[in-house]
């Protein structure tokens, strides 16, 4: 009698950027990953239209983190990724924006690597790009700034004096992620290091989505205007940039368009698209 020993093949993990929320900003490569996937482990802030597309071909698991209330531990997310892949599944780890920017990507790659599982990174459009597009500006401009800083509100708590001095210089531009709760602290430090109180600051809530909101203010008025706006969605702070009037008009036009029902593309059309890129 012959004894057959079979070993289940290992799966694969795609670390996919979901973009800022507008499903039309998903890349073709992200759509192809959805079509191949057996399971999608996704962040809390992924928009419903993007999740609806992913759910057409894979099971969804919410592994999101929240500032308050129940949240997944990073070690548990790492373990779940490995578990699904070792069971032979094609796993999409779906992260908001671009997975390489403030996404704890390295920790998850290291866990997958240690288990001998193959993986790849599929970039997405980060919130800074979507937000600056929403206000009709660019992150860099000749004669104004040749560099731009990507920061988080949490990281700025540990800034040294030379960091604040650099940011307070005229013409500086920064994209601050998760900065709403740190607004008063950021304001105080910048003014202390000589920043002009009239420097423009723009907050973009729900960038690229139908409910996008833009708050144009100044360094001097930042905490006051932010409190009055009562922003409860994810927001990115653009320090040193003000919206163009034309961009604000386009935002209002897009809100009008969003009132019309939008239909998701049928799965057959996604399969056609993905077959061309796989």
Protein backbone atom coordinates (compact mmCIF):
# COMPACT_ATOMS: atom_id res chain seq x y z
CA UNK A 1 0.00 0.00 0.00
CA UNK A 2 1.45 3.35 -1.04
CA UNK A 3 1.38 6.21 1.45
CA UNK A 4 0.95 9.63 -0.04
CA UNK A 5 2.01 12.64 1.99
CA UNK A 6 0.71 15.92 0.70
CA UNK A 7 1.82 19.33 1.88
CA UNK A 8 -0.54 22.24 1.42
CA UNK A 9 1.18 24.97 -0.61
CA UNK A 10 1.87 28.25 1.11
CA UNK A 11 -0.19 31.24 0.14
CA UNK A 12 0.95 34.74 -0.71
CA UNK A 13 0.44 38.24 0.75
CA UNK A 14 -0.15 41.41 -1.27
CA UNK A 15 0.28 44.62 0.72
CA UNK A 16 -2.12 46.88 -1.19
CA UNK A 17 -2.68 50.62 -0.98
CA UNK A 18 -6.41 51.41 -1.03
CA UNK A 19 -5.82 55.06 -1.82
CA UNK A 20 -7.69 57.87 -0.07
CA UNK A 21 -11.20 56.47 -0.57
CA UNK A 22 -12.39 57.22 -4.10
CA UNK A 23 -12.60 53.79 -5.80
CA UNK A 24 -11.67 55.37 -9.13
CA UNK A 25 -8.23 56.07 -7.65
CA UNK A 26 -7.50 52.36 -7.11
CA UNK A 27 -4.73 51.07 -9.36
CA UNK A 28 -5.29 48.31 -11.90
CA UNK A 29 -2.78 46.23 -9.97
CA UNK A 30 -4.85 46.63 -6.79
CA UNK A 31 -7.96 45.42 -8.65
CA UNK A 32 -6.02 42.41 -9.93
CA UNK A 33 -4.95 41.59 -6.35
CA UNK A 34 -8.60 41.73 -5.21
CA UNK A 35 -9.59 39.28 -7.95
CA UNK A 36 -6.89 36.79 -6.91
CA UNK A 37 -7.51 37.11 -3.18
CA UNK A 38 -9.20 34.60 -0.89
CA UNK A 39 -9.25 36.97 2.08
CA UNK A 40 -8.76 40.71 2.58
CA UNK A 41 -7.53 42.03 5.93
CA UNK A 42 -8.39 45.72 5.91
CA UNK A 43 -7.89 48.86 7.96
CA UNK A 44 -10.77 50.66 9.69
CA UNK A 45 -10.65 53.73 7.45
CA UNK A 46 -11.02 51.97 4.09
CA UNK A 47 -14.04 53.46 2.31
CA UNK A 48 -17.16 51.37 1.73
CA UNK A 49 -17.02 51.62 -2.09
CA UNK A 50 -13.49 50.17 -2.07
CA UNK A 51 -14.53 47.39 0.32
CA UNK A 52 -17.56 46.62 -1.86
CA UNK A 53 -15.24 45.98 -4.80
CA UNK A 54 -12.91 43.78 -2.72
CA UNK A 55 -15.86 41.81 -1.32
CA UNK A 56 -16.96 40.68 -4.79
CA UNK A 57 -14.26 38.01 -4.82
CA UNK A 58 -12.86 37.64 -1.28
CA UNK A 59 -13.84 37.43 2.38
CA UNK A 60 -13.31 40.65 4.36
CA UNK A 61 -11.78 40.82 7.83
CA UNK A 62 -11.68 44.17 9.67
CA UNK A 63 -8.39 44.46 11.56
CA UNK A 64 -8.60 48.21 12.07
CA UNK A 65 -7.14 50.27 14.85
CA UNK A 66 -9.05 53.08 16.55
CA UNK A 67 -7.91 55.88 18.81
CA UNK A 68 -10.50 54.85 21.40
CA UNK A 69 -12.41 51.61 21.85
CA UNK A 70 -11.48 48.08 20.77
CA UNK A 71 -8.51 47.77 18.45
CA UNK A 72 -6.43 44.98 17.03
CA UNK A 73 -2.93 44.60 18.44
CA UNK A 74 -0.23 44.74 15.79
CA UNK A 75 1.10 41.35 16.89
CA UNK A 76 -2.35 39.81 16.36
CA UNK A 77 -2.58 41.26 12.84
CA UNK A 78 0.87 39.85 12.06
CA UNK A 79 -0.17 36.42 13.33
CA UNK A 80 -3.43 36.43 11.35
CA UNK A 81 -1.62 37.33 8.13
CA UNK A 82 0.77 34.43 8.62
CA UNK A 83 -2.02 32.02 9.59
CA UNK A 84 -4.08 32.70 6.47
CA UNK A 85 -1.09 32.49 4.17
CA UNK A 86 0.20 29.25 5.70
CA UNK A 87 -3.25 27.77 5.09
CA UNK A 88 -2.66 28.32 1.38
CA UNK A 89 -4.71 31.51 0.98
CA UNK A 90 -3.92 34.49 -1.24
CA UNK A 91 -4.14 37.35 1.23
CA UNK A 92 -4.57 41.06 0.55
CA UNK A 93 -3.48 43.28 3.41
CA UNK A 94 -5.40 46.43 2.49
CA UNK A 95 -4.08 49.66 3.96
CA UNK A 96 -5.41 53.20 3.66
CA UNK A 97 -3.59 55.47 1.24
CA UNK A 98 -0.16 54.08 0.44
CA UNK A 99 1.04 51.16 2.57
CA UNK A 100 4.60 52.52 2.76
CA UNK A 101 3.60 55.76 4.52
CA UNK A 102 2.81 55.54 8.25
CA UNK A 103 1.30 52.08 7.74
CA UNK A 104 3.42 49.87 10.03
CA UNK A 105 4.33 47.98 6.90
CA UNK A 106 7.79 46.84 7.99
CA UNK A 107 6.46 44.97 11.02
CA UNK A 108 4.04 42.97 8.90
CA UNK A 109 6.62 42.25 6.19
CA UNK A 110 9.03 40.96 8.81
CA UNK A 111 6.38 38.60 10.22
CA UNK A 112 5.53 37.26 6.75
CA UNK A 113 9.20 36.98 5.81
CA UNK A 114 10.00 35.04 8.97
CA UNK A 115 7.34 32.47 8.02
CA UNK A 116 8.83 32.02 4.55
CA UNK A 117 5.78 33.47 2.77
CA UNK A 118 6.08 35.36 -0.52
CA UNK A 119 4.82 38.93 -0.67
CA UNK A 120 4.76 42.12 -2.72
CA UNK A 121 3.87 45.78 -2.21
CA UNK A 122 1.25 47.42 -4.43
CA UNK A 123 1.45 51.20 -3.95
CA UNK A 124 -1.57 53.46 -3.54
CA UNK A 125 -2.26 57.18 -3.62
CA UNK A 126 -1.44 58.66 -0.24
CA UNK A 127 -3.71 61.14 1.54
CA UNK A 128 -1.22 63.98 1.05
CA UNK A 129 -1.43 63.65 -2.73
CA UNK A 130 -5.23 63.45 -2.72
CA UNK A 131 -5.54 66.38 -0.31
CA UNK A 132 -3.23 68.72 -2.19
CA UNK A 133 -5.02 67.81 -5.43
CA UNK A 134 -8.30 68.65 -3.72
CA UNK A 135 -7.15 72.20 -3.02
CA UNK A 136 -5.59 72.71 -6.46
CA UNK A 137 -2.03 73.06 -5.21
CA UNK A 138 1.25 71.17 -5.50
CA UNK A 139 3.43 69.96 -2.67
CA UNK A 140 6.55 71.57 -4.15
CA UNK A 141 7.00 74.75 -6.15
CA UNK A 142 10.07 76.30 -7.73
CA UNK A 143 11.19 79.30 -5.73
CA UNK A 144 9.02 78.41 -2.72
CA UNK A 145 10.07 74.99 -1.44
CA UNK A 146 12.25 72.25 -2.87
CA UNK A 147 11.30 69.76 -0.16
CA UNK A 148 8.20 68.69 1.73
CA UNK A 149 7.87 66.89 5.05
CA UNK A 150 5.49 64.03 5.71
CA UNK A 151 4.79 63.96 9.46
CA UNK A 152 2.36 62.56 11.98
CA UNK A 153 0.91 64.56 14.82
CA UNK A 154 2.24 61.96 17.26
CA UNK A 155 5.81 62.17 15.95
CA UNK A 156 5.88 65.96 16.33
CA UNK A 157 5.56 65.62 20.10
CA UNK A 158 9.19 64.51 20.12
CA UNK A 159 10.58 67.13 17.73
CA UNK A 160 13.88 68.75 18.62
CA UNK A 161 14.41 72.51 18.36
CA UNK A 162 16.16 72.23 14.98
CA UNK A 163 13.12 70.44 13.53
CA UNK A 164 10.78 73.21 14.64
CA UNK A 165 13.21 75.89 13.41
CA UNK A 166 13.28 74.31 9.94
CA UNK A 167 9.50 73.99 9.77
CA UNK A 168 8.99 77.58 10.94
CA UNK A 169 11.01 78.99 8.02
CA UNK A 170 9.14 80.95 5.35
CA UNK A 171 8.04 78.78 2.44
CA UNK A 172 8.08 75.51 4.39
CA UNK A 173 5.44 72.94 3.45
CA UNK A 174 4.41 69.88 5.44
CA UNK A 175 1.73 67.24 5.18
CA UNK A 176 0.69 66.29 8.71
CA UNK A 177 -1.18 63.02 9.14
CA UNK A 178 -3.32 62.46 12.25
CA UNK A 179 -2.70 66.02 13.36
CA UNK A 180 -6.11 67.21 14.56
CA UNK A 181 -5.55 66.42 18.23
CA UNK A 182 -2.09 68.00 18.14
CA UNK A 183 -3.23 71.25 16.49
CA UNK A 184 -2.78 73.51 19.52
CA UNK A 185 0.58 71.96 20.38
CA UNK A 186 1.81 72.37 16.79
CA UNK A 187 0.61 75.97 16.70
CA UNK A 188 2.38 76.86 19.94
CA UNK A 189 5.69 75.30 18.95
CA UNK A 190 5.76 76.90 15.51
CA UNK A 191 4.98 80.38 16.87
CA UNK A 192 7.59 79.88 19.60
CA UNK A 193 10.19 79.19 16.89
CA UNK A 194 9.31 82.26 14.87
CA UNK A 195 6.72 81.08 12.35
CA UNK A 196 4.50 83.79 10.86
CA UNK A 197 1.06 83.67 12.47
CA UNK A 198 -0.52 84.37 9.06
CA UNK A 199 0.99 81.27 7.46
CA UNK A 200 -1.77 79.39 5.60
CA UNK A 201 -2.95 76.02 6.83
CA UNK A 202 -5.53 73.84 5.12
CA UNK A 203 -7.22 70.78 6.56
CA UNK A 204 -8.81 68.31 4.16
CA UNK A 205 -11.28 65.88 5.69
CA UNK A 206 -12.21 62.68 3.80
CA UNK A 207 -9.98 63.61 0.87
CA UNK A 208 -11.28 62.48 -2.56
CA UNK A 209 -14.59 61.22 -1.13
CA UNK A 210 -18.06 62.67 -1.79
CA UNK A 211 -18.14 64.11 1.74
CA UNK A 212 -14.75 65.81 1.42
CA UNK A 213 -14.51 69.05 3.41
CA UNK A 214 -11.85 71.74 3.16
CA UNK A 215 -11.02 74.09 6.02
CA UNK A 216 -8.78 77.03 5.08
CA UNK A 217 -7.27 78.81 8.06
CA UNK A 218 -4.03 80.31 9.36
CA UNK A 219 -1.53 79.29 11.99
CA UNK A 220 -2.99 81.92 14.32
CA UNK A 221 -6.58 80.67 13.94
CA UNK A 222 -5.90 76.94 13.60
CA UNK A 223 -7.22 75.59 16.95
CA UNK A 224 -10.23 77.93 16.98
CA UNK A 225 -11.32 77.23 13.41
CA UNK A 226 -10.72 73.50 13.76
CA UNK A 227 -12.90 73.30 16.87
CA UNK A 228 -15.66 75.25 15.14
CA UNK A 229 -15.55 72.98 12.08
CA UNK A 230 -16.22 69.85 14.19
CA UNK A 231 -14.35 67.55 11.84
CA UNK A 232 -14.90 63.94 12.89
CA UNK A 233 -13.52 62.15 9.82
CA UNK A 234 -9.90 61.44 8.90
CA UNK A 235 -8.21 64.73 8.03
CA UNK A 236 -4.83 65.73 6.68
CA UNK A 237 -3.25 69.06 7.59
CA UNK A 238 -1.35 70.92 4.88
CA UNK A 239 0.97 73.44 6.52
CA UNK A 240 2.04 76.32 4.26
CA UNK A 241 -0.65 75.86 1.60
CA UNK A 242 -4.00 77.53 0.93
CA UNK A 243 -6.69 76.34 -1.49
CA UNK A 244 -7.04 77.86 -4.93
CA UNK A 245 -10.50 79.32 -5.53
CA UNK A 246 -10.97 77.23 -8.69
CA UNK A 247 -10.31 74.03 -6.73
CA UNK A 248 -12.97 74.95 -4.17
CA UNK A 249 -15.48 75.43 -6.98
CA UNK A 250 -14.63 71.99 -8.37
CA UNK A 251 -15.11 70.47 -4.91
CA UNK A 252 -18.64 71.89 -4.76
CA UNK A 253 -19.35 70.58 -8.27
CA UNK A 254 -18.18 67.09 -7.29
CA UNK A 255 -20.49 67.17 -4.27
CA UNK A 256 -23.40 67.82 -6.61
CA UNK A 257 -22.37 64.90 -8.81
CA UNK A 258 -22.15 62.63 -5.76
CA UNK A 259 -25.88 63.06 -5.15
CA UNK A 260 -26.52 60.92 -8.22
CA UNK A 261 -26.42 57.15 -7.49
CA UNK A 262 -23.11 55.60 -8.54
CA UNK A 263 -23.06 52.00 -9.70
CA UNK A 264 -20.09 49.76 -8.97
CA UNK A 265 -18.63 48.03 -12.02
CA UNK A 266 -19.89 44.44 -12.37
CA UNK A 267 -17.49 41.69 -11.47
CA UNK A 268 -17.25 40.62 -15.10
CA UNK A 269 -15.80 43.99 -16.06
CA UNK A 270 -13.29 43.79 -13.23
CA UNK A 271 -12.23 40.36 -14.47
CA UNK A 272 -11.68 41.75 -17.95
CA UNK A 273 -9.57 44.57 -16.54
CA UNK A 274 -7.55 42.31 -14.28
CA UNK A 275 -6.90 39.73 -16.98
CA UNK A 276 -4.94 42.39 -18.86
CA UNK A 277 -2.63 43.18 -15.97
CA UNK A 278 -1.95 39.80 -14.39
